[in-house]
C-alpha cells in the first residue's frame, strides 16, 4: 500500500510538471512564430520586388518574339514608309506613297543584332533605315 501511494504521488507530480513544461513550450512556440512573422513582414517591405518576382520576370523576358522574318518584313514595310528626298522640306516625314525596299537578309541581320543587344524593336528599327 505504501509503495502504491508513493507511486501515485510521483505520477501526480510528474503529470503536473509535464503540464507546466508543455504550457511553457507552447508559449515559446507562439512567441517565436510572432517574431518570425514580424521579420518576414519587414523583409517583404524592404524588398517588394523579391527574388521570386525577378526569377519569373527573367523567364518571361527570355521568351522572345515568335514572328517569322517574312512577317516582320511585311510589318516594317507597312509601318516605316518615309519620304527620302533630301531636297524636300518633308525629309524623313512618314508618307503613304513612298515604298521602302528592305531585303530579307537585312531584316534577319537587324533581328540578330537586336537579340544580342536586347533592344526593343521600336527603339532600333526606325533609325536603321
N, C-alpha and C. Protein backbone atom coordinates (compact mmCIF):
# COMPACT_ATOMS: atom_id res chain seq x y z
N UNK A 1 0.81 -1.19 0.00
CA UNK A 1 0.00 0.00 0.00
C UNK A 1 0.86 1.26 0.00
N UNK A 2 1.90 1.17 0.80
CA UNK A 2 2.77 2.33 0.92
C UNK A 2 3.45 2.63 -0.42
N UNK A 3 3.88 1.63 -1.16
CA UNK A 3 4.52 1.81 -2.46
C UNK A 3 3.56 2.35 -3.49
N UNK A 4 2.31 1.96 -3.38
CA UNK A 4 1.30 2.42 -4.33
C UNK A 4 1.04 3.91 -4.14
N UNK A 5 1.01 4.34 -2.87
CA UNK A 5 0.76 5.75 -2.60
C UNK A 5 1.92 6.60 -3.10
N UNK A 6 3.14 6.16 -2.88
CA UNK A 6 4.30 6.90 -3.38
C UNK A 6 4.30 6.95 -4.91
N UNK A 7 3.90 5.85 -5.53
CA UNK A 7 3.84 5.81 -7.00
C UNK A 7 2.77 6.78 -7.52
N UNK A 8 1.62 6.83 -6.83
CA UNK A 8 0.56 7.75 -7.25
C UNK A 8 0.99 9.21 -7.08
N UNK A 9 1.63 9.51 -5.96
CA UNK A 9 2.12 10.87 -5.72
C UNK A 9 3.17 11.26 -6.75
N UNK A 10 4.05 10.32 -7.07
CA UNK A 10 5.08 10.57 -8.09
C UNK A 10 4.43 10.80 -9.45
N UNK A 11 3.41 10.01 -9.77
CA UNK A 11 2.69 10.17 -11.04
C UNK A 11 2.01 11.54 -11.11
N UNK A 12 1.38 11.97 -10.03
CA UNK A 12 0.72 13.28 -9.99
C UNK A 12 1.75 14.39 -10.14
N UNK A 13 2.89 14.27 -9.48
CA UNK A 13 3.95 15.28 -9.57
C UNK A 13 4.50 15.36 -11.00
N UNK A 14 4.75 14.21 -11.62
CA UNK A 14 5.27 14.18 -12.99
C UNK A 14 4.25 14.75 -13.99
N UNK A 15 2.96 14.42 -13.78
CA UNK A 15 1.91 14.94 -14.66
C UNK A 15 1.84 16.47 -14.56
N UNK A 16 1.92 16.98 -13.34
CA UNK A 16 1.89 18.42 -13.12
C UNK A 16 3.10 19.09 -13.77
N UNK A 17 4.26 18.49 -13.60
CA UNK A 17 5.49 19.02 -14.20
C UNK A 17 5.40 19.00 -15.74
N UNK A 18 4.82 17.93 -16.30
CA UNK A 18 4.64 17.82 -17.74
C UNK A 18 3.74 18.94 -18.26
N UNK A 19 2.63 19.20 -17.56
CA UNK A 19 1.70 20.25 -17.99
C UNK A 19 2.36 21.62 -17.98
N UNK A 20 3.17 21.89 -16.96
CA UNK A 20 3.86 23.18 -16.86
C UNK A 20 4.84 23.33 -18.02
N UNK A 21 5.61 22.27 -18.29
CA UNK A 21 6.60 22.34 -19.37
C UNK A 21 5.93 22.43 -20.74
N UNK A 22 4.81 21.72 -20.93
CA UNK A 22 4.09 21.78 -22.19
C UNK A 22 3.54 23.19 -22.43
N UNK A 23 3.02 23.81 -21.38
CA UNK A 23 2.49 25.17 -21.49
C UNK A 23 3.61 26.16 -21.82
N UNK A 24 4.76 25.97 -21.17
CA UNK A 24 5.91 26.84 -21.42
C UNK A 24 6.38 26.69 -22.87
N UNK A 25 6.44 25.44 -23.36
CA UNK A 25 6.83 25.19 -24.75
C UNK A 25 5.85 25.84 -25.73
N UNK A 26 4.56 25.73 -25.46
CA UNK A 26 3.54 26.34 -26.33
C UNK A 26 3.72 27.85 -26.39
N UNK A 27 4.01 28.48 -25.23
CA UNK A 27 4.24 29.93 -25.21
C UNK A 27 5.47 30.30 -26.03
N UNK A 28 6.54 29.53 -25.90
CA UNK A 28 7.77 29.80 -26.64
C UNK A 28 7.55 29.66 -28.15
N UNK A 29 6.80 28.65 -28.55
CA UNK A 29 6.48 28.47 -29.97
C UNK A 29 5.67 29.65 -30.48
N UNK A 30 4.68 30.09 -29.70
CA UNK A 30 3.85 31.23 -30.09
C UNK A 30 4.69 32.49 -30.25
N UNK A 31 5.57 32.75 -29.27
CA UNK A 31 6.45 33.93 -29.34
C UNK A 31 7.36 33.86 -30.56
N UNK A 32 7.91 32.68 -30.81
CA UNK A 32 8.82 32.51 -31.95
C UNK A 32 8.09 32.76 -33.27
N UNK A 33 6.88 32.24 -33.39
CA UNK A 33 6.09 32.45 -34.61
C UNK A 33 5.81 33.94 -34.83
N UNK A 34 5.44 34.63 -33.75
CA UNK A 34 5.18 36.07 -33.87
C UNK A 34 6.43 36.82 -34.31
N UNK A 35 7.56 36.49 -33.72
CA UNK A 35 8.82 37.16 -34.06
C UNK A 35 9.20 36.89 -35.52
N UNK A 36 9.10 35.65 -35.95
CA UNK A 36 9.45 35.31 -37.33
C UNK A 36 8.50 35.99 -38.31
N UNK A 37 7.22 36.09 -37.95
CA UNK A 37 6.26 36.77 -38.82
C UNK A 37 6.63 38.24 -38.97
N UNK A 38 6.98 38.90 -37.86
CA UNK A 38 7.40 40.31 -37.93
C UNK A 38 8.63 40.47 -38.81
N UNK A 39 9.59 39.56 -38.67
CA UNK A 39 10.80 39.62 -39.50
C UNK A 39 10.46 39.45 -40.97
N UNK A 40 9.55 38.54 -41.27
CA UNK A 40 9.14 38.31 -42.66
C UNK A 40 8.47 39.56 -43.23
N UNK A 41 7.59 40.17 -42.48
CA UNK A 41 6.90 41.39 -42.94
C UNK A 41 7.90 42.50 -43.21
N UNK A 42 8.88 42.68 -42.31
CA UNK A 42 9.90 43.71 -42.52
C UNK A 42 10.71 43.43 -43.77
N UNK A 43 11.06 42.18 -43.99
CA UNK A 43 11.85 41.81 -45.16
C UNK A 43 11.08 42.07 -46.45
N UNK A 44 9.81 41.72 -46.45
CA UNK A 44 8.98 41.94 -47.65
C UNK A 44 8.81 43.43 -47.90
N UNK A 45 8.66 44.22 -46.85
CA UNK A 45 8.51 45.66 -47.03
C UNK A 45 9.79 46.29 -47.55
N UNK A 46 10.94 45.74 -47.19
CA UNK A 46 12.21 46.27 -47.69
C UNK A 46 12.39 45.94 -49.17
N UNK A 47 11.97 44.76 -49.59
CA UNK A 47 12.21 44.30 -50.96
C UNK A 47 10.91 43.78 -51.56
N UNK A 48 10.07 44.72 -52.02
CA UNK A 48 8.77 44.35 -52.58
C UNK A 48 8.94 43.47 -53.81
N UNK A 49 9.90 43.81 -54.66
CA UNK A 49 10.17 43.03 -55.86
C UNK A 49 11.24 42.00 -55.53
N UNK A 50 10.86 41.00 -54.78
CA UNK A 50 11.78 39.98 -54.28
C UNK A 50 12.35 39.08 -55.35
N UNK A 51 13.13 38.14 -54.91
CA UNK A 51 13.83 37.23 -55.82
C UNK A 51 12.84 36.42 -56.66
N UNK A 52 11.73 35.99 -56.08
CA UNK A 52 10.76 35.20 -56.83
C UNK A 52 10.23 35.99 -58.02
N UNK A 53 9.92 37.27 -57.79
CA UNK A 53 9.43 38.14 -58.86
C UNK A 53 10.48 38.25 -59.96
N UNK A 54 11.73 38.47 -59.56
CA UNK A 54 12.80 38.61 -60.55
C UNK A 54 12.98 37.33 -61.37
N UNK A 55 12.87 36.18 -60.74
CA UNK A 55 13.01 34.92 -61.47
C UNK A 55 11.90 34.78 -62.51
N UNK A 56 10.66 35.05 -62.11
CA UNK A 56 9.53 34.93 -63.04
C UNK A 56 9.67 35.90 -64.20
N UNK A 57 9.99 37.14 -63.92
CA UNK A 57 10.15 38.14 -64.98
C UNK A 57 11.30 37.76 -65.89
N UNK A 58 12.38 37.26 -65.32
CA UNK A 58 13.52 36.81 -66.13
C UNK A 58 13.13 35.72 -67.10
N UNK A 59 12.32 34.78 -66.65
CA UNK A 59 11.86 33.69 -67.51
C UNK A 59 10.95 34.22 -68.61
N UNK A 60 10.07 35.17 -68.27
CA UNK A 60 9.15 35.71 -69.26
C UNK A 60 9.88 36.56 -70.30
N UNK A 61 10.89 37.31 -69.90
CA UNK A 61 11.62 38.17 -70.83
C UNK A 61 12.38 37.36 -71.87
N UNK A 62 12.83 36.19 -71.53
CA UNK A 62 13.65 35.40 -72.44
C UNK A 62 12.84 34.63 -73.47
N UNK A 63 11.54 34.81 -73.52
CA UNK A 63 10.74 34.08 -74.48
C UNK A 63 10.93 34.59 -75.91
N UNK A 64 11.13 35.87 -76.08
CA UNK A 64 11.40 36.44 -77.39
C UNK A 64 10.19 36.47 -78.31
N UNK A 65 10.41 37.05 -79.49
CA UNK A 65 9.35 37.14 -80.49
C UNK A 65 9.23 35.83 -81.24
N UNK A 66 8.02 35.45 -81.57
CA UNK A 66 7.78 34.24 -82.33
C UNK A 66 7.16 34.61 -83.68
N UNK A 67 7.77 35.60 -84.35
CA UNK A 67 7.27 36.07 -85.64
C UNK A 67 8.33 35.74 -86.69
N UNK A 68 7.88 35.25 -87.83
CA UNK A 68 8.82 34.90 -88.89
C UNK A 68 9.44 36.17 -89.49
N UNK A 69 10.59 36.00 -90.12
CA UNK A 69 11.28 37.13 -90.73
C UNK A 69 10.43 37.75 -91.84
N UNK A 70 9.71 36.92 -92.58
CA UNK A 70 8.85 37.43 -93.66
C UNK A 70 7.74 38.32 -93.09
N UNK A 71 7.15 37.86 -92.01
CA UNK A 71 6.07 38.64 -91.39
C UNK A 71 6.61 39.97 -90.86
N UNK A 72 7.78 39.95 -90.27
CA UNK A 72 8.40 41.18 -89.78
C UNK A 72 8.67 42.13 -90.94
N UNK A 73 9.13 41.59 -92.07
CA UNK A 73 9.37 42.43 -93.24
C UNK A 73 8.09 43.13 -93.69
N UNK A 74 7.00 42.40 -93.72
CA UNK A 74 5.71 42.98 -94.11
C UNK A 74 5.32 44.10 -93.14
N UNK A 75 5.46 43.83 -91.86
CA UNK A 75 5.11 44.83 -90.84
C UNK A 75 5.98 46.07 -90.98
N UNK A 76 7.28 45.87 -91.16
CA UNK A 76 8.20 47.00 -91.29
C UNK A 76 7.84 47.83 -92.52
N UNK A 77 7.60 47.17 -93.63
CA UNK A 77 7.26 47.89 -94.86
C UNK A 77 5.98 48.70 -94.70
N UNK A 78 5.04 48.18 -93.95
CA UNK A 78 3.78 48.91 -93.76
C UNK A 78 3.92 50.04 -92.75
N UNK A 79 4.76 49.86 -91.75
CA UNK A 79 4.87 50.87 -90.70
C UNK A 79 5.82 52.01 -91.02
N UNK A 80 6.95 51.71 -91.66
CA UNK A 80 8.00 52.70 -91.84
C UNK A 80 8.16 53.10 -93.29
N UNK A 81 7.22 53.90 -93.77
CA UNK A 81 7.29 54.43 -95.12
C UNK A 81 7.72 55.89 -95.00
N UNK A 82 8.92 56.20 -95.51
CA UNK A 82 9.48 57.54 -95.36
C UNK A 82 9.57 58.25 -96.71
N UNK A 83 9.51 59.57 -96.64
CA UNK A 83 9.79 60.40 -97.80
C UNK A 83 11.29 60.68 -97.74
N UNK A 84 12.07 60.05 -98.63
CA UNK A 84 13.53 60.11 -98.53
C UNK A 84 14.19 61.12 -99.48
N UNK A 85 13.45 62.04 -100.05
CA UNK A 85 14.07 63.03 -100.92
C UNK A 85 14.74 64.09 -100.08
N UNK A 86 16.05 64.28 -100.26
CA UNK A 86 16.84 65.17 -99.40
C UNK A 86 16.47 66.65 -99.61
N UNK A 87 16.07 67.03 -100.81
CA UNK A 87 15.78 68.44 -101.05
C UNK A 87 14.37 68.83 -100.59
N UNK A 88 13.61 67.89 -100.17
CA UNK A 88 12.24 68.17 -99.75
C UNK A 88 12.21 68.76 -98.34
N UNK A 89 11.24 69.62 -98.11
CA UNK A 89 11.04 70.16 -96.76
C UNK A 89 10.59 69.05 -95.81
N UNK A 90 9.97 68.05 -96.37
CA UNK A 90 9.40 66.97 -95.57
C UNK A 90 10.31 65.76 -95.48
N UNK A 91 11.62 65.95 -95.57
CA UNK A 91 12.55 64.82 -95.50
C UNK A 91 12.34 64.07 -94.18
N UNK A 92 12.18 62.77 -94.27
CA UNK A 92 12.03 61.93 -93.08
C UNK A 92 10.60 61.84 -92.57
N UNK A 93 9.69 62.56 -93.20
CA UNK A 93 8.30 62.52 -92.77
C UNK A 93 7.66 61.26 -93.34
N UNK A 94 6.87 60.60 -92.55
CA UNK A 94 6.21 59.37 -93.00
C UNK A 94 5.24 59.71 -94.12
N UNK A 95 5.32 58.92 -95.16
CA UNK A 95 4.48 59.15 -96.33
C UNK A 95 3.87 57.83 -96.77
N UNK A 96 2.61 57.86 -97.16
CA UNK A 96 1.93 56.64 -97.60
C UNK A 96 2.33 56.22 -99.01
N UNK A 97 2.81 57.14 -99.83
CA UNK A 97 3.11 56.80 -101.22
C UNK A 97 4.56 56.39 -101.44
N UNK A 98 5.40 56.40 -100.44
CA UNK A 98 6.80 56.03 -100.59
C UNK A 98 7.01 54.61 -100.09
N UNK A 99 7.57 53.76 -100.95
CA UNK A 99 7.86 52.37 -100.57
C UNK A 99 9.32 52.26 -100.16
N UNK A 100 9.58 51.49 -99.14
CA UNK A 100 10.94 51.25 -98.68
C UNK A 100 11.26 49.79 -98.97
N UNK A 101 12.36 49.57 -99.69
CA UNK A 101 12.75 48.20 -100.03
C UNK A 101 13.77 47.70 -99.01
N UNK A 102 13.44 46.61 -98.34
CA UNK A 102 14.34 46.02 -97.34
C UNK A 102 14.50 44.55 -97.67
N UNK A 103 15.73 44.11 -97.71
CA UNK A 103 15.96 42.70 -98.02
C UNK A 103 15.70 41.83 -96.80
N UNK A 104 15.41 40.58 -97.08
CA UNK A 104 15.18 39.63 -96.00
C UNK A 104 16.44 39.47 -95.16
N UNK A 105 17.60 39.51 -95.81
CA UNK A 105 18.88 39.37 -95.09
C UNK A 105 19.09 40.54 -94.12
N UNK A 106 18.71 41.75 -94.56
CA UNK A 106 18.86 42.93 -93.71
C UNK A 106 17.98 42.80 -92.46
N UNK A 107 16.75 42.34 -92.65
CA UNK A 107 15.84 42.16 -91.51
C UNK A 107 16.40 41.12 -90.56
N UNK A 108 16.89 40.00 -91.10
CA UNK A 108 17.46 38.95 -90.25
C UNK A 108 18.68 39.46 -89.50
N UNK A 109 19.52 40.27 -90.18
CA UNK A 109 20.70 40.84 -89.54
C UNK A 109 20.28 41.75 -88.38
N UNK A 110 19.30 42.61 -88.63
CA UNK A 110 18.83 43.52 -87.58
C UNK A 110 18.22 42.76 -86.40
N UNK A 111 17.46 41.72 -86.70
CA UNK A 111 16.87 40.93 -85.62
C UNK A 111 17.95 40.27 -84.79
N UNK A 112 18.99 39.78 -85.45
CA UNK A 112 20.11 39.17 -84.73
C UNK A 112 20.80 40.20 -83.84
N UNK A 113 21.03 41.39 -84.36
CA UNK A 113 21.66 42.46 -83.57
C UNK A 113 20.79 42.84 -82.37
N UNK A 114 19.48 42.95 -82.61
CA UNK A 114 18.58 43.31 -81.52
C UNK A 114 18.60 42.24 -80.43
N UNK A 115 18.63 40.98 -80.85
CA UNK A 115 18.65 39.90 -79.88
C UNK A 115 19.91 39.97 -79.04
N UNK A 116 21.05 40.24 -79.69
CA UNK A 116 22.32 40.32 -78.96
C UNK A 116 22.34 41.50 -78.00
N UNK A 117 21.82 42.64 -78.44
CA UNK A 117 21.87 43.86 -77.64
C UNK A 117 20.63 44.05 -76.77
N UNK A 118 19.63 43.19 -76.96
CA UNK A 118 18.38 43.23 -76.20
C UNK A 118 17.64 44.57 -76.37
N UNK A 119 17.67 45.11 -77.58
CA UNK A 119 16.94 46.35 -77.87
C UNK A 119 15.48 46.02 -78.13
N UNK A 120 14.65 47.01 -77.92
CA UNK A 120 13.26 46.88 -78.29
C UNK A 120 13.11 47.26 -79.76
N UNK A 121 12.21 46.62 -80.45
CA UNK A 121 12.03 46.84 -81.88
C UNK A 121 11.78 48.31 -82.19
N UNK A 122 10.93 48.95 -81.45
CA UNK A 122 10.57 50.34 -81.75
C UNK A 122 11.71 51.30 -81.49
N UNK A 123 12.73 50.89 -80.75
CA UNK A 123 13.87 51.76 -80.48
C UNK A 123 14.93 51.63 -81.57
N UNK A 124 15.00 50.50 -82.24
CA UNK A 124 16.09 50.23 -83.16
C UNK A 124 15.71 50.43 -84.61
N UNK A 125 14.62 49.87 -85.04
CA UNK A 125 14.31 49.81 -86.46
C UNK A 125 14.19 51.17 -87.15
N UNK A 126 13.51 52.16 -86.60
CA UNK A 126 13.38 53.42 -87.34
C UNK A 126 14.72 54.10 -87.64
N UNK A 127 15.71 53.97 -86.79
CA UNK A 127 16.99 54.62 -87.03
C UNK A 127 17.84 53.87 -88.07
N UNK A 128 17.54 52.63 -88.34
CA UNK A 128 18.37 51.82 -89.23
C UNK A 128 18.05 52.02 -90.71
N UNK A 129 16.94 52.62 -91.05
CA UNK A 129 16.54 52.71 -92.46
C UNK A 129 16.66 54.12 -92.97
